[in-house]
Amino acid sequence: MGSGSAIRGSRVGAGPMGEAERGEAAPRVVIGYYCSEGHESHTSFAHDAEIPVEWDCPKCGLPAGTDKDNPPVQEKHAPYKTHLAYVKERRTDSEGKGLLDEALARVRGK
């Protein structure tokens, strides 16, 4: 047989003492959160902790609130814009054509 350690496979705090060794657990309050996908999750907080209004749903990641009938709606994010899209916002087509003509004239002149 192997010469393994006696504490192999055990974890810190494990043992027969339980709460007597670690002390009593803090008082807890369980809050239910509901997302717009219909998922329900329960999270426990310390009795005197500040309870958040919203919590991320562990199943879908959407924001969840404490009101089952009126869950929060996810904010709409603007799609990713390319560099060209930002340039087109700052320049009109005629300005862009003028800049392109200048650049081409410089390149052809060299």
PDB file of N, CA and C in Angstrom:
ATOM      1  N   MET A   1       0.822  -1.172   0.000  1.00  0.00           N
ATOM      2  CA  MET A   1       0.000   0.000   0.000  1.00  0.00           C
ATOM      3  C   MET A   1       0.871   1.242   0.000  1.00  0.00           C
ATOM      4  N   GLY A   2       0.276   2.390  -0.383  1.00  0.00           N
ATOM      5  CA  GLY A   2       1.020   3.638  -0.471  1.00  0.00           C
ATOM      6  C   GLY A   2       1.258   4.257   0.890  1.00  0.00           C
ATOM      7  N   SER A   3       2.229   5.131   0.945  1.00  0.00           N
ATOM      8  CA  SER A   3       2.512   5.829   2.194  1.00  0.00           C
ATOM      9  C   SER A   3       1.955   7.253   2.113  1.00  0.00           C
ATOM     10  N   GLY A   4       0.639   7.352   2.017  1.00  0.00           N
ATOM     11  CA  GLY A   4      -0.016   8.647   1.857  1.00  0.00           C
ATOM     12  C   GLY A   4      -0.143   9.386   3.173  1.00  0.00           C
ATOM     13  N   SER A   5      -0.518  10.621   3.076  1.00  0.00           N
ATOM     14  CA  SER A   5      -0.701  11.459   4.252  1.00  0.00           C
ATOM     15  C   SER A   5      -2.045  11.159   4.894  1.00  0.00           C
ATOM     16  N   ALA A   6      -2.119  11.293   6.195  1.00  0.00           N
ATOM     17  CA  ALA A   6      -3.368  11.040   6.919  1.00  0.00           C
ATOM     18  C   ALA A   6      -4.428  12.085   6.609  1.00  0.00           C
ATOM     19  N   ILE A   7      -3.986  13.290   6.185  1.00  0.00           N
ATOM     20  CA  ILE A   7      -4.979  14.332   5.920  1.00  0.00           C
ATOM     21  C   ILE A   7      -5.311  14.442   4.436  1.00  0.00           C
ATOM     22  N   ARG A   8      -4.844  13.510   3.659  1.00  0.00           N
ATOM     23  CA  ARG A   8      -5.111  13.549   2.221  1.00  0.00           C
ATOM     24  C   ARG A   8      -6.615  13.458   1.961  1.00  0.00           C
ATOM     25  N   GLY A   9      -7.124  14.343   1.137  1.00  0.00           N
ATOM     26  CA  GLY A   9      -8.535  14.329   0.772  1.00  0.00           C
ATOM     27  C   GLY A   9      -9.430  15.082   1.732  1.00  0.00           C
ATOM     28  N   SER A  10      -8.877  15.618   2.785  1.00  0.00           N
ATOM     29  CA  SER A  10      -9.709  16.395   3.702  1.00  0.00           C
ATOM     30  C   SER A  10      -9.549  17.869   3.375  1.00  0.00           C
ATOM     31  N   ARG A  11     -10.424  18.677   3.887  1.00  0.00           N
ATOM     32  CA  ARG A  11     -10.358  20.106   3.621  1.00  0.00           C
ATOM     33  C   ARG A  11     -10.296  20.885   4.929  1.00  0.00           C
ATOM     34  N   VAL A  12      -9.895  22.112   4.811  1.00  0.00           N
ATOM     35  CA  VAL A  12      -9.783  22.954   5.989  1.00  0.00           C
ATOM     36  C   VAL A  12     -11.161  23.134   6.608  1.00  0.00           C
ATOM     37  N   GLY A  13     -11.253  22.969   7.895  1.00  0.00           N
ATOM     38  CA  GLY A  13     -12.524  23.135   8.588  1.00  0.00           C
ATOM     39  C   GLY A  13     -13.333  21.870   8.685  1.00  0.00           C
ATOM     40  N   ALA A  14     -12.926  20.823   7.953  1.00  0.00           N
ATOM     41  CA  ALA A  14     -13.652  19.564   8.031  1.00  0.00           C
ATOM     42  C   ALA A  14     -13.265  18.854   9.318  1.00  0.00           C
ATOM     43  N   GLY A  15     -14.175  18.212   9.916  1.00  0.00           N
ATOM     44  CA  GLY A  15     -13.874  17.476  11.129  1.00  0.00           C
ATOM     45  C   GLY A  15     -15.094  17.332  11.992  1.00  0.00           C
ATOM     46  N   PRO A  16     -14.953  16.635  13.081  1.00  0.00           N
ATOM     47  CA  PRO A  16     -16.105  16.335  13.914  1.00  0.00           C
ATOM     48  C   PRO A  16     -16.603  17.522  14.739  1.00  0.00           C
ATOM     49  N   MET A  17     -15.796  18.577  14.868  1.00  0.00           N
ATOM     50  CA  MET A  17     -16.189  19.675  15.745  1.00  0.00           C
ATOM     51  C   MET A  17     -17.334  20.508  15.175  1.00  0.00           C
ATOM     52  N   GLY A  18     -17.323  20.755  13.875  1.00  0.00           N
ATOM     53  CA  GLY A  18     -18.407  21.511  13.250  1.00  0.00           C
ATOM     54  C   GLY A  18     -18.528  22.913  13.793  1.00  0.00           C
ATOM     55  N   GLU A  19     -19.753  23.345  14.142  1.00  0.00           N
ATOM     56  CA  GLU A  19     -20.000  24.705  14.598  1.00  0.00           C
ATOM     57  C   GLU A  19     -19.330  25.026  15.925  1.00  0.00           C
ATOM     58  N   ALA A  20     -19.122  24.029  16.749  1.00  0.00           N
ATOM     59  CA  ALA A  20     -18.496  24.279  18.047  1.00  0.00           C
ATOM     60  C   ALA A  20     -17.090  24.830  17.860  1.00  0.00           C
ATOM     61  N   GLU A  21     -16.412  24.389  16.809  1.00  0.00           N
ATOM     62  CA  GLU A  21     -15.050  24.851  16.551  1.00  0.00           C
ATOM     63  C   GLU A  21     -15.042  26.196  15.821  1.00  0.00           C
ATOM     64  N   ARG A  22     -15.938  26.370  14.879  1.00  0.00           N
ATOM     65  CA  ARG A  22     -15.951  27.561  14.035  1.00  0.00           C
ATOM     66  C   ARG A  22     -16.846  28.670  14.575  1.00  0.00           C
ATOM     67  N   GLY A  23     -17.703  28.359  15.487  1.00  0.00           N
ATOM     68  CA  GLY A  23     -18.651  29.346  15.979  1.00  0.00           C
ATOM     69  C   GLY A  23     -19.974  29.219  15.248  1.00  0.00           C
ATOM     70  N   GLU A  24     -20.964  29.936  15.700  1.00  0.00           N
ATOM     71  CA  GLU A  24     -22.286  29.844  15.075  1.00  0.00           C
ATOM     72  C   GLU A  24     -22.328  30.641  13.777  1.00  0.00           C
ATOM     73  N   ALA A  25     -23.158  30.186  12.865  1.00  0.00           N
ATOM     74  CA  ALA A  25     -23.318  30.884  11.584  1.00  0.00           C
ATOM     75  C   ALA A  25     -24.047  32.213  11.813  1.00  0.00           C
ATOM     76  N   ALA A  26     -23.704  33.201  11.006  1.00  0.00           N
ATOM     77  CA  ALA A  26     -24.363  34.512  11.106  1.00  0.00           C
ATOM     78  C   ALA A  26     -25.818  34.378  10.661  1.00  0.00           C
ATOM     79  N   PRO A  27     -26.699  35.170  11.244  1.00  0.00           N
ATOM     80  CA  PRO A  27     -28.097  35.115  10.798  1.00  0.00           C
ATOM     81  C   PRO A  27     -28.204  35.523   9.330  1.00  0.00           C
ATOM     82  N   ARG A  28     -28.997  34.796   8.568  1.00  0.00           N
ATOM     83  CA  ARG A  28     -29.117  35.013   7.138  1.00  0.00           C
ATOM     84  C   ARG A  28     -30.557  35.314   6.758  1.00  0.00           C
ATOM     85  N   VAL A  29     -30.716  35.996   5.639  1.00  0.00           N
ATOM     86  CA  VAL A  29     -32.027  36.243   5.052  1.00  0.00           C
ATOM     87  C   VAL A  29     -31.934  35.812   3.590  1.00  0.00           C
ATOM     88  N   VAL A  30     -32.941  35.094   3.102  1.00  0.00           N
ATOM     89  CA  VAL A  30     -32.953  34.594   1.724  1.00  0.00           C
ATOM     90  C   VAL A  30     -33.881  35.478   0.903  1.00  0.00           C
ATOM     91  N   ILE A  31     -33.352  35.999  -0.214  1.00  0.00           N
ATOM     92  CA  ILE A  31     -34.111  36.887  -1.100  1.00  0.00           C
ATOM     93  C   ILE A  31     -34.303  36.194  -2.440  1.00  0.00           C
ATOM     94  N   GLY A  32     -35.516  36.249  -2.969  1.00  0.00           N
ATOM     95  CA  GLY A  32     -35.807  35.693  -4.289  1.00  0.00           C
ATOM     96  C   GLY A  32     -35.626  36.749  -5.364  1.00  0.00           C
ATOM     97  N   TYR A  33     -34.964  36.373  -6.458  1.00  0.00           N
ATOM     98  CA  TYR A  33     -34.760  37.265  -7.609  1.00  0.00           C
ATOM     99  C   TYR A  33     -35.366  36.615  -8.846  1.00  0.00           C
ATOM    100  N   TYR A  34     -35.953  37.445  -9.720  1.00  0.00           N
ATOM    101  CA  TYR A  34     -36.671  36.969 -10.899  1.00  0.00           C
ATOM    102  C   TYR A  34     -36.203  37.739 -12.129  1.00  0.00           C
ATOM    103  N   CYS A  35     -35.865  37.017 -13.208  1.00  0.00           N
ATOM    104  CA  CYS A  35     -35.416  37.673 -14.442  1.00  0.00           C
ATOM    105  C   CYS A  35     -36.536  37.662 -15.475  1.00  0.00           C
ATOM    106  N   SER A  36     -36.329  38.366 -16.583  1.00  0.00           N
ATOM    107  CA  SER A  36     -37.364  38.477 -17.621  1.00  0.00           C
ATOM    108  C   SER A  36     -37.552  37.170 -18.395  1.00  0.00           C
ATOM    109  N   GLU A  37     -36.637  36.203 -18.247  1.00  0.00           N
ATOM    110  CA  GLU A  37     -36.773  34.901 -18.898  1.00  0.00           C
ATOM    111  C   GLU A  37     -37.620  33.937 -18.068  1.00  0.00           C
ATOM    112  N   GLY A  38     -38.055  34.385 -16.872  1.00  0.00           N
ATOM    113  CA  GLY A  38     -38.881  33.549 -16.019  1.00  0.00           C
ATOM    114  C   GLY A  38     -38.101  32.710 -15.018  1.00  0.00           C
ATOM    115  N   HIS A  39     -36.788  32.878 -14.962  1.00  0.00           N
ATOM    116  CA  HIS A  39     -35.983  32.132 -13.998  1.00  0.00           C
ATOM    117  C   HIS A  39     -36.146  32.728 -12.611  1.00  0.00           C
ATOM    118  N   GLU A  40     -36.093  31.866 -11.625  1.00  0.00           N
ATOM    119  CA  GLU A  40     -36.189  32.289 -10.224  1.00  0.00           C
ATOM    120  C   GLU A  40     -34.952  31.775  -9.495  1.00  0.00           C
ATOM    121  N   SER A  41     -34.294  32.648  -8.759  1.00  0.00           N
ATOM    122  CA  SER A  41     -33.133  32.229  -7.975  1.00  0.00           C
ATOM    123  C   SER A  41     -33.240  32.828  -6.578  1.00  0.00           C
ATOM    124  N   HIS A  42     -32.646  32.143  -5.629  1.00  0.00           N
ATOM    125  CA  HIS A  42     -32.674  32.602  -4.243  1.00  0.00           C
ATOM    126  C   HIS A  42     -31.237  32.773  -3.771  1.00  0.00           C
ATOM    127  N   THR A  43     -30.963  33.921  -3.174  1.00  0.00           N
ATOM    128  CA  THR A  43     -29.632  34.238  -2.694  1.00  0.00           C
ATOM    129  C   THR A  43     -29.734  34.622  -1.228  1.00  0.00           C
ATOM    130  N   SER A  44     -28.778  34.144  -0.435  1.00  0.00           N
ATOM    131  CA  SER A  44     -28.810  34.478   0.990  1.00  0.00           C
ATOM    132  C   SER A  44     -27.807  35.580   1.291  1.00  0.00           C
ATOM    133  N   PHE A  45     -28.206  36.462   2.182  1.00  0.00           N
ATOM    134  CA  PHE A  45     -27.387  37.597   2.603  1.00  0.00           C
ATOM    135  C   PHE A  45     -27.358  37.624   4.126  1.00  0.00           C
ATOM    136  N   ALA A  46     -26.340  38.256   4.666  1.00  0.00           N
ATOM    137  CA  ALA A  46     -26.290  38.472   6.102  1.00  0.00           C
ATOM    138  C   ALA A  46     -27.510  39.288   6.508  1.00  0.00           C
ATOM    139  N   HIS A  47     -28.015  39.035   7.693  1.00  0.00           N
ATOM    140  CA  HIS A  47     -29.257  39.664   8.159  1.00  0.00           C
ATOM    141  C   HIS A  47     -29.190  41.193   8.118  1.00  0.00           C
ATOM    142  N   ASP A  48     -28.021  41.768   8.429  1.00  0.00           N
ATOM    143  CA  ASP A  48     -27.908  43.224   8.472  1.00  0.00           C
ATOM    144  C   ASP A  48     -27.259  43.813   7.222  1.00  0.00           C
ATOM    145  N   ALA A  49     -27.098  43.014   6.160  1.00  0.00           N
ATOM    146  CA  ALA A  49     -26.455  43.486   4.930  1.00  0.00           C
ATOM    147  C   ALA A  49     -27.423  44.330   4.101  1.00  0.00           C
ATOM    148  N   GLU A  50     -26.846  45.181   3.266  1.00  0.00           N
ATOM    149  CA  GLU A  50     -27.658  45.963   2.334  1.00  0.00           C
ATOM    150  C   GLU A  50     -28.042  45.039   1.171  1.00  0.00           C
ATOM    151  N   ILE A  51     -29.319  44.870   0.941  1.00  0.00           N
ATOM    152  CA  ILE A  51     -29.815  43.950  -0.084  1.00  0.00           C
ATOM    153  C   ILE A  51     -29.840  44.670  -1.431  1.00  0.00           C
ATOM    154  N   PRO A  52     -29.153  44.121  -2.464  1.00  0.00           N
ATOM    155  CA  PRO A  52     -29.162  44.775  -3.776  1.00  0.00           C
ATOM    156  C   PRO A  52     -30.539  44.686  -4.445  1.00  0.00           C
ATOM    157  N   VAL A  53     -30.890  45.717  -5.183  1.00  0.00           N
ATOM    158  CA  VAL A  53     -32.175  45.767  -5.884  1.00  0.00           C
ATOM    159  C   VAL A  53     -32.166  44.790  -7.059  1.00  0.00           C
ATOM    160  N   GLU A  54     -31.013  44.681  -7.739  1.00  0.00           N
ATOM    161  CA  GLU A  54     -30.875  43.758  -8.866  1.00  0.00           C
ATOM    162  C   GLU A  54     -29.733  42.793  -8.603  1.00  0.00           C
ATOM    163  N   TRP A  55     -29.847  41.601  -9.221  1.00  0.00           N
ATOM    164  CA  TRP A  55     -28.842  40.551  -9.090  1.00  0.00           C
ATOM    165  C   TRP A  55     -28.790  39.838 -10.427  1.00  0.00           C
ATOM    166  N   ASP A  56     -27.606  39.435 -10.882  1.00  0.00           N
ATOM    167  CA  ASP A  56     -27.499  38.718 -12.159  1.00  0.00           C
ATOM    168  C   ASP A  56     -28.088  37.325 -12.021  1.00  0.00           C
ATOM    169  N   CYS A  57     -28.922  36.947 -12.981  1.00  0.00           N
ATOM    170  CA  CYS A  57     -29.527  35.617 -12.982  1.00  0.00           C
ATOM    171  C   CYS A  57     -28.421  34.587 -13.212  1.00  0.00           C
ATOM    172  N   PRO A  58     -28.292  33.567 -12.346  1.00  0.00           N
ATOM    173  CA  PRO A  58     -27.239  32.575 -12.535  1.00  0.00           C
ATOM    174  C   PRO A  58     -27.485  31.647 -13.724  1.00  0.00           C
ATOM    175  N   LYS A  59     -28.714  31.618 -14.256  1.00  0.00           N
ATOM    176  CA  LYS A  59     -29.021  30.719 -15.370  1.00  0.00           C
ATOM    177  C   LYS A  59     -28.783  31.356 -16.729  1.00  0.00           C
ATOM    178  N   CYS A  60     -29.159  32.646 -16.885  1.00  0.00           N
ATOM    179  CA  CYS A  60     -29.048  33.281 -18.201  1.00  0.00           C
ATOM    180  C   CYS A  60     -28.196  34.544 -18.203  1.00  0.00           C
ATOM    181  N   GLY A  61     -27.861  35.074 -17.021  1.00  0.00           N
ATOM    182  CA  GLY A  61     -27.007  36.260 -16.944  1.00  0.00           C
ATOM    183  C   GLY A  61     -27.745  37.580 -17.060  1.00  0.00           C
ATOM    184  N   LEU A  62     -29.040  37.555 -17.306  1.00  0.00           N
ATOM    185  CA  LEU A  62     -29.822  38.792 -17.398  1.00  0.00           C
ATOM    186  C   LEU A  62     -30.011  39.381 -16.003  1.00  0.00           C
ATOM    187  N   PRO A  63     -30.292  40.678 -15.907  1.00  0.00           N
ATOM    188  CA  PRO A  63     -30.550  41.252 -14.585  1.00  0.00           C
ATOM    189  C   PRO A  63     -31.855  40.695 -14.016  1.00  0.00           C
ATOM    190  N   ALA A  64     -31.844  40.447 -12.718  1.00  0.00           N
ATOM    191  CA  ALA A  64     -33.026  39.928 -12.035  1.00  0.00           C
ATOM    192  C   ALA A  64     -33.365  40.861 -10.885  1.00  0.00           C
ATOM    193  N   GLY A  65     -34.651  40.999 -10.607  1.00  0.00           N
ATOM    194  CA  GLY A  65     -35.110  41.871  -9.523  1.00  0.00           C
ATOM    195  C   GLY A  65     -35.973  41.100  -8.540  1.00  0.00           C
ATOM    196  N   THR A  66     -36.366  41.761  -7.486  1.00  0.00           N
ATOM    197  CA  THR A  66     -37.141  41.100  -6.440  1.00  0.00           C
ATOM    198  C   THR A  66     -38.646  41.065  -6.725  1.00  0.00           C
ATOM    199  N   ASP A  67     -39.105  41.825  -7.712  1.00  0.00           N
ATOM    200  CA  ASP A  67     -40.532  41.845  -8.067  1.00  0.00           C
ATOM    201  C   ASP A  67     -40.792  40.799  -9.143  1.00  0.00           C
ATOM    202  N   LYS A  68     -41.490  39.726  -8.759  1.00  0.00           N
ATOM    203  CA  LYS A  68     -41.738  38.615  -9.695  1.00  0.00           C
ATOM    204  C   LYS A  68     -42.583  39.053 -10.889  1.00  0.00           C
ATOM    205  N   ASP A  69     -43.534  39.947 -10.674  1.00  0.00           N
ATOM    206  CA  ASP A  69     -44.436  40.370 -11.749  1.00  0.00           C
ATOM    207  C   ASP A  69     -43.836  41.447 -12.647  1.00  0.00           C
ATOM    208  N   ASN A  70     -42.758  42.080 -12.221  1.00  0.00           N
ATOM    209  CA  ASN A  70     -42.156  43.162 -13.000  1.00  0.00           C
ATOM    210  C   ASN A  70     -40.625  43.056 -12.964  1.00  0.00           C
ATOM    211  N   PRO A  71     -40.050  42.021 -13.632  1.00  0.00           N
ATOM    212  CA  PRO A  71     -38.588  41.877 -13.611  1.00  0.00           C
ATOM    213  C   PRO A  71     -37.916  42.965 -14.448  1.00  0.00           C
ATOM    214  N   PRO A  72     -36.664  43.304 -14.134  1.00  0.00           N
ATOM    215  CA  PRO A  72     -35.967  44.340 -14.904  1.00  0.00           C
ATOM    216  C   PRO A  72     -35.701  43.886 -16.337  1.00  0.00           C
ATOM    217  N   VAL A  73     -35.671  44.855 -17.234  1.00  0.00           N
ATOM    218  CA  VAL A  73     -35.412  44.575 -18.648  1.00  0.00           C
ATOM    219  C   VAL A  73     -33.957  44.916 -18.940  1.00  0.00           C
ATOM    220  N   GLN A  74     -33.313  44.076 -19.749  1.00  0.00           N
ATOM    221  CA  GLN A  74     -31.907  44.313 -20.081  1.00  0.00           C
ATOM    222  C   GLN A  74     -31.785  45.532 -20.988  1.00  0.00           C
ATOM    223  N   GLU A  75     -30.765  46.334 -20.711  1.00  0.00           N
ATOM    224  CA  GLU A  75     -30.508  47.513 -21.530  1.00  0.00           C
ATOM    225  C   GLU A  75     -30.075  47.081 -22.929  1.00  0.00           C
ATOM    226  N   LYS A  76     -30.478  47.859 -23.912  1.00  0.00           N
ATOM    227  CA  LYS A  76     -30.055  47.585 -25.287  1.00  0.00           C
ATOM    228  C   LYS A  76     -28.687  48.221 -25.503  1.00  0.00           C
ATOM    229  N   HIS A  77     -27.749  47.434 -25.984  1.00  0.00           N
ATOM    230  CA  HIS A  77     -26.409  47.942 -26.261  1.00  0.00           C
ATOM    231  C   HIS A  77     -26.268  48.208 -27.751  1.00  0.00           C
ATOM    232  N   ALA A  78     -25.617  49.306 -28.071  1.00  0.00           N
ATOM    233  CA  ALA A  78     -25.382  49.629 -29.478  1.00  0.00           C
ATOM    234  C   ALA A  78     -24.413  48.605 -30.057  1.00  0.00           C
ATOM    235  N   PRO A  79     -24.620  48.200 -31.305  1.00  0.00           N
ATOM    236  CA  PRO A  79     -23.713  47.223 -31.905  1.00  0.00           C
ATOM    237  C   PRO A  79     -22.312  47.805 -32.070  1.00  0.00           C
ATOM    238  N   TYR A  80     -21.347  46.944 -32.198  1.00  0.00           N
ATOM    239  CA  TYR A  80     -19.953  47.347 -32.374  1.00  0.00           C
ATOM    240  C   TYR A  80     -19.819  48.163 -33.651  1.00  0.00           C
ATOM    241  N   LYS A  81     -19.102  49.281 -33.570  1.00  0.00           N
ATOM    242  CA  LYS A  81     -18.863  50.118 -34.745  1.00  0.00           C
ATOM    243  C   LYS A  81     -17.409  49.984 -35.174  1.00  0.00           C
ATOM    244  N   THR A  82     -17.211  49.945 -36.471  1.00  0.00           N
ATOM    245  CA  THR A  82     -15.855  49.895 -36.997  1.00  0.00           C
ATOM    246  C   THR A  82     -15.275  51.306 -37.031  1.00  0.00           C
ATOM    247  N   HIS A  83     -13.975  51.378 -37.274  1.00  0.00           N
ATOM    248  CA  HIS A  83     -13.312  52.681 -37.399  1.00  0.00           C
ATOM    249  C   HIS A  83     -13.940  53.477 -38.540  1.00  0.00           C
ATOM    250  N   LEU A  84     -14.238  52.796 -39.634  1.00  0.00           N
ATOM    251  CA  LEU A  84     -14.829  53.464 -40.793  1.00  0.00           C
ATOM    252  C   LEU A  84     -16.198  54.066 -40.439  1.00  0.00           C
ATOM    253  N   ALA A  85     -16.978  53.381 -39.632  1.00  0.00           N
ATOM    254  CA  ALA A  85     -18.291  53.899 -39.241  1.00  0.00           C
ATOM    255  C   ALA A  85     -18.147  55.202 -38.450  1.00  0.00           C
ATOM    256  N   TYR A  86     -17.143  55.264 -37.552  1.00  0.00           N
ATOM    257  CA  TYR A  86     -16.914  56.502 -36.797  1.00  0.00           C
ATOM    258  C   TYR A  86     -16.435  57.625 -37.715  1.00  0.00           C
ATOM    259  N   VAL A  87     -15.595  57.307 -38.686  1.00  0.00           N
ATOM    260  CA  VAL A  87     -15.112  58.322 -39.637  1.00  0.00           C
ATOM    261  C   VAL A  87     -16.282  58.865 -40.444  1.00  0.00           C
ATOM    262  N   LYS A  88     -17.157  57.962 -40.877  1.00  0.00           N
ATOM    263  CA  LYS A  88     -18.315  58.397 -41.676  1.00  0.00           C
ATOM    264  C   LYS A  88     -19.257  59.288 -40.858  1.00  0.00           C
ATOM    265  N   GLU A  89     -19.283  59.120 -39.536  1.00  0.00           N
ATOM    266  CA  GLU A  89     -20.098  60.004 -38.704  1.00  0.00           C
ATOM    267  C   GLU A  89     -19.520  61.417 -38.665  1.00  0.00           C
ATOM    268  N   ARG A  90     -18.199  61.533 -38.726  1.00  0.00           N
ATOM    269  CA  ARG A  90     -17.550  62.841 -38.606  1.00  0.00           C
ATOM    270  C   ARG A  90     -17.431  63.573 -39.943  1.00  0.00           C
ATOM    271  N   ARG A  91     -17.434  62.864 -41.040  1.00  0.00           N
ATOM    272  CA  ARG A  91     -17.203  63.467 -42.364  1.00  0.00           C
ATOM    273  C   ARG A  91     -18.405  63.246 -43.275  1.00  0.00           C
ATOM    274  N   THR A  92     -18.706  64.251 -44.082  1.00  0.00           N
ATOM    275  CA  THR A  92     -19.732  64.074 -45.111  1.00  0.00           C
ATOM    276  C   THR A  92     -19.072  63.374 -46.297  1.00  0.00           C
ATOM    277  N   ASP A  93     -19.885  62.907 -47.215  1.00  0.00           N
ATOM    278  CA  ASP A  93     -19.344  62.241 -48.409  1.00  0.00           C
ATOM    279  C   ASP A  93     -18.464  63.179 -49.225  1.00  0.00           C
ATOM    280  N   SER A  94     -18.884  64.449 -49.331  1.00  0.00           N
ATOM    281  CA  SER A  94     -18.088  65.396 -50.126  1.00  0.00           C
ATOM    282  C   SER A  94     -16.750  65.687 -49.439  1.00  0.00           C
ATOM    283  N   GLU A  95     -16.721  65.794 -48.085  1.00  0.00           N
ATOM    284  CA  GLU A  95     -15.458  65.987 -47.375  1.00  0.00           C
ATOM    285  C   GLU A  95     -14.542  64.782 -47.561  1.00  0.00           C
ATOM    286  N   GLY A  96     -15.126  63.591 -47.486  1.00  0.00           N
ATOM    287  CA  GLY A  96     -14.339  62.373 -47.680  1.00  0.00           C
ATOM    288  C   GLY A  96     -13.754  62.303 -49.078  1.00  0.00           C
ATOM    289  N   LYS A  97     -14.546  62.676 -50.084  1.00  0.00           N
ATOM    290  CA  LYS A  97     -14.051  62.664 -51.465  1.00  0.00           C
ATOM    291  C   LYS A  97     -12.911  63.657 -51.628  1.00  0.00           C
ATOM    292  N   GLY A  98     -13.035  64.842 -51.001  1.00  0.00           N
ATOM    293  CA  GLY A  98     -11.975  65.851 -51.078  1.00  0.00           C
ATOM    294  C   GLY A  98     -10.683  65.354 -50.447  1.00  0.00           C
ATOM    295  N   LEU A  99     -10.780  64.723 -49.294  1.00  0.00           N
ATOM    296  CA  LEU A  99      -9.597  64.177 -48.622  1.00  0.00           C
ATOM    297  C   LEU A  99      -8.956  63.064 -49.441  1.00  0.00           C
ATOM    298  N   LEU A 100      -9.796  62.214 -50.034  1.00  0.00           N
ATOM    299  CA  LEU A 100      -9.272  61.136 -50.865  1.00  0.00           C
ATOM    300  C   LEU A 100      -8.558  61.688 -52.091  1.00  0.00           C
ATOM    301  N   ASP A 101      -9.141  62.701 -52.717  1.00  0.00           N
ATOM    302  CA  ASP A 101      -8.502  63.320 -53.887  1.00  0.00           C
ATOM    303  C   ASP A 101      -7.149  63.924 -53.520  1.00  0.00           C
ATOM    304  N   GLU A 102      -7.078  64.601 -52.354  1.00  0.00           N
ATOM    305  CA  GLU A 102      -5.801  65.180 -51.893  1.00  0.00           C
ATOM    306  C   GLU A 102      -4.751  64.094 -51.698  1.00  0.00           C
ATOM    307  N   ALA A 103      -5.142  63.009 -51.033  1.00  0.00           N
ATOM    308  CA  ALA A 103      -4.199  61.930 -50.756  1.00  0.00           C
ATOM    309  C   ALA A 103      -3.724  61.272 -52.046  1.00  0.00           C
ATOM    310  N   LEU A 104      -4.637  61.077 -53.011  1.00  0.00           N
ATOM    311  CA  LEU A 104      -4.246  60.469 -54.277  1.00  0.00           C
ATOM    312  C   LEU A 104      -3.323  61.377 -55.064  1.00  0.00           C
ATOM    313  N   ALA A 105      -3.570  62.687 -55.015  1.00  0.00           N
ATOM    314  CA  ALA A 105      -2.711  63.647 -55.722  1.00  0.00           C
ATOM    315  C   ALA A 105      -1.302  63.598 -55.138  1.00  0.00           C
ATOM    316  N   ARG A 106      -1.201  63.494 -53.815  1.00  0.00           N
ATOM    317  CA  ARG A 106       0.132  63.419 -53.160  1.00  0.00           C
ATOM    318  C   ARG A 106       0.859  62.147 -53.557  1.00  0.00           C
ATOM    319  N   VAL A 107       0.146  61.042 -53.559  1.00  0.00           N
ATOM    320  CA  VAL A 107       0.780  59.761 -53.909  1.00  0.00           C
ATOM    321  C   VAL A 107       1.217  59.766 -55.376  1.00  0.00           C
ATOM    322  N   ARG A 108       0.389  60.292 -56.255  1.00  0.00           N
ATOM    323  CA  ARG A 108       0.722  60.318 -57.695  1.00  0.00           C
ATOM    324  C   ARG A 108       1.841  61.303 -57.980  1.00  0.00           C
ATOM    325  N   GLY A 109       1.960  62.341 -57.147  1.00  0.00           N
ATOM    326  CA  GLY A 109       3.011  63.347 -57.363  1.00  0.00           C
ATOM    327  C   GLY A 109       4.392  62.850 -56.975  1.00  0.00           C
ATOM    328  N   LYS A 110       4.504  61.809 -56.178  1.00  0.00           N
ATOM    329  CA  LYS A 110       5.806  61.313 -55.734  1.00  0.00           C
ATOM    330  C   LYS A 110       6.485  60.462 -56.745  1.00  0.00           C
TER     331      LYS A 110
END
